[in-house]
Amino acid sequence: MPQEAETVYLNDLKIHRENGWSLFGLKQSLQKQGKEVSDIEKRLAKAWSHADITLQTSRY
């Protein structure tokens, strides 16, 4: 399932560039697959830098 989630989040990011919710979900799916997430973490930090809530789960 993490591979399918990765595809879903990557497709969403093509439409909604740098969407924090999708970046968070992508990060989670990559972590579950044992893949590198440092680039995604940087993008997520930038995208979420002005948010007033802390992400705990993705929202798709």
C-alpha atoms as a PDB file:
ATOM      1  CA  MET A   1       0.000   0.000   0.000  1.00  0.00           C
ATOM      2  CA  PRO A   2       2.788   2.561   0.625  1.00  0.00           C
ATOM      3  CA  GLN A   3       3.751   2.339  -3.058  1.00  0.00           C
ATOM      4  CA  GLU A   4       0.189   3.138  -4.081  1.00  0.00           C
ATOM      5  CA  ALA A   5       0.072   6.036  -1.630  1.00  0.00           C
ATOM      6  CA  GLU A   6       3.330   7.375  -3.061  1.00  0.00           C
ATOM      7  CA  THR A   7       1.786   7.416  -6.537  1.00  0.00           C
ATOM      8  CA  VAL A   8      -1.370   9.143  -5.307  1.00  0.00           C
ATOM      9  CA  TYR A   9       0.592  11.869  -3.492  1.00  0.00           C
ATOM     10  CA  LEU A  10       2.984  12.417  -6.404  1.00  0.00           C
ATOM     11  CA  ASN A  11       0.016  12.817  -8.754  1.00  0.00           C
ATOM     12  CA  ASP A  12      -1.650  15.265  -6.377  1.00  0.00           C
ATOM     13  CA  LEU A  13       1.556  17.296  -6.148  1.00  0.00           C
ATOM     14  CA  LYS A  14       1.529  17.672  -9.937  1.00  0.00           C
ATOM     15  CA  ILE A  15      -1.796  19.483  -9.575  1.00  0.00           C
ATOM     16  CA  HIS A  16      -1.340  21.145  -6.177  1.00  0.00           C
ATOM     17  CA  ARG A  17       2.355  22.004  -6.113  1.00  0.00           C
ATOM     18  CA  GLU A  18       4.030  22.002  -2.715  1.00  0.00           C
ATOM     19  CA  ASN A  19       0.802  21.157  -0.899  1.00  0.00           C
ATOM     20  CA  GLY A  20       1.782  20.500   2.710  1.00  0.00           C
ATOM     21  CA  TRP A  21      -0.793  17.787   3.265  1.00  0.00           C
ATOM     22  CA  SER A  22       0.391  15.857   0.218  1.00  0.00           C
ATOM     23  CA  LEU A  23       4.060  16.359   1.056  1.00  0.00           C
ATOM     24  CA  PHE A  24       3.387  14.979   4.534  1.00  0.00           C
ATOM     25  CA  GLY A  25       1.608  11.935   3.109  1.00  0.00           C
ATOM     26  CA  LEU A  26       4.373  11.416   0.565  1.00  0.00           C
ATOM     27  CA  LYS A  27       6.967  11.559   3.328  1.00  0.00           C
ATOM     28  CA  GLN A  28       5.073   8.941   5.336  1.00  0.00           C
ATOM     29  CA  SER A  29       4.701   6.627   2.344  1.00  0.00           C
ATOM     30  CA  LEU A  30       8.393   6.923   1.465  1.00  0.00           C
ATOM     31  CA  GLN A  31       9.440   6.240   5.063  1.00  0.00           C
ATOM     32  CA  LYS A  32       7.351   3.072   5.141  1.00  0.00           C
ATOM     33  CA  GLN A  33       9.180   1.924   2.017  1.00  0.00           C
ATOM     34  CA  GLY A  34      12.578   2.716   3.524  1.00  0.00           C
ATOM     35  CA  LYS A  35      13.251   5.456   0.971  1.00  0.00           C
ATOM     36  CA  GLU A  36      15.142   8.730   1.462  1.00  0.00           C
ATOM     37  CA  VAL A  37      12.949  11.597   2.679  1.00  0.00           C
ATOM     38  CA  SER A  38      15.363  14.478   3.352  1.00  0.00           C
ATOM     39  CA  ASP A  39      14.355  16.365   0.190  1.00  0.00           C
ATOM     40  CA  ILE A  40      10.672  15.947   1.022  1.00  0.00           C
ATOM     41  CA  GLU A  41      11.288  17.096   4.602  1.00  0.00           C
ATOM     42  CA  LYS A  42      12.888  20.316   3.307  1.00  0.00           C
ATOM     43  CA  ARG A  43      10.015  20.949   0.917  1.00  0.00           C
ATOM     44  CA  LEU A  44       7.483  20.232   3.657  1.00  0.00           C
ATOM     45  CA  ALA A  45       9.218  22.570   6.113  1.00  0.00           C
ATOM     46  CA  LYS A  46       9.101  25.365   3.547  1.00  0.00           C
ATOM     47  CA  ALA A  47       5.491  24.681   2.533  1.00  0.00           C
ATOM     48  CA  TRP A  48       4.326  24.475   6.143  1.00  0.00           C
ATOM     49  CA  SER A  49       6.471  27.298   7.556  1.00  0.00           C
ATOM     50  CA  HIS A  50       3.547  29.689   8.100  1.00  0.00           C
ATOM     51  CA  ALA A  51       0.955  27.145   9.220  1.00  0.00           C
ATOM     52  CA  ASP A  52      -0.683  27.462  12.598  1.00  0.00           C
ATOM     53  CA  ILE A  53      -1.242  23.728  13.157  1.00  0.00           C
ATOM     54  CA  THR A  54       1.074  20.744  13.450  1.00  0.00           C
ATOM     55  CA  LEU A  55       0.603  17.946  10.952  1.00  0.00           C
ATOM     56  CA  GLN A  56      -0.024  14.545  12.461  1.00  0.00           C
ATOM     57  CA  THR A  57      -1.629  12.830   9.486  1.00  0.00           C
ATOM     58  CA  SER A  58      -2.146  13.486   5.809  1.00  0.00           C
ATOM     59  CA  ARG A  59      -5.444  14.660   4.380  1.00  0.00           C
ATOM     60  CA  TYR A  60      -6.229  13.485   0.923  1.00  0.00           C
END
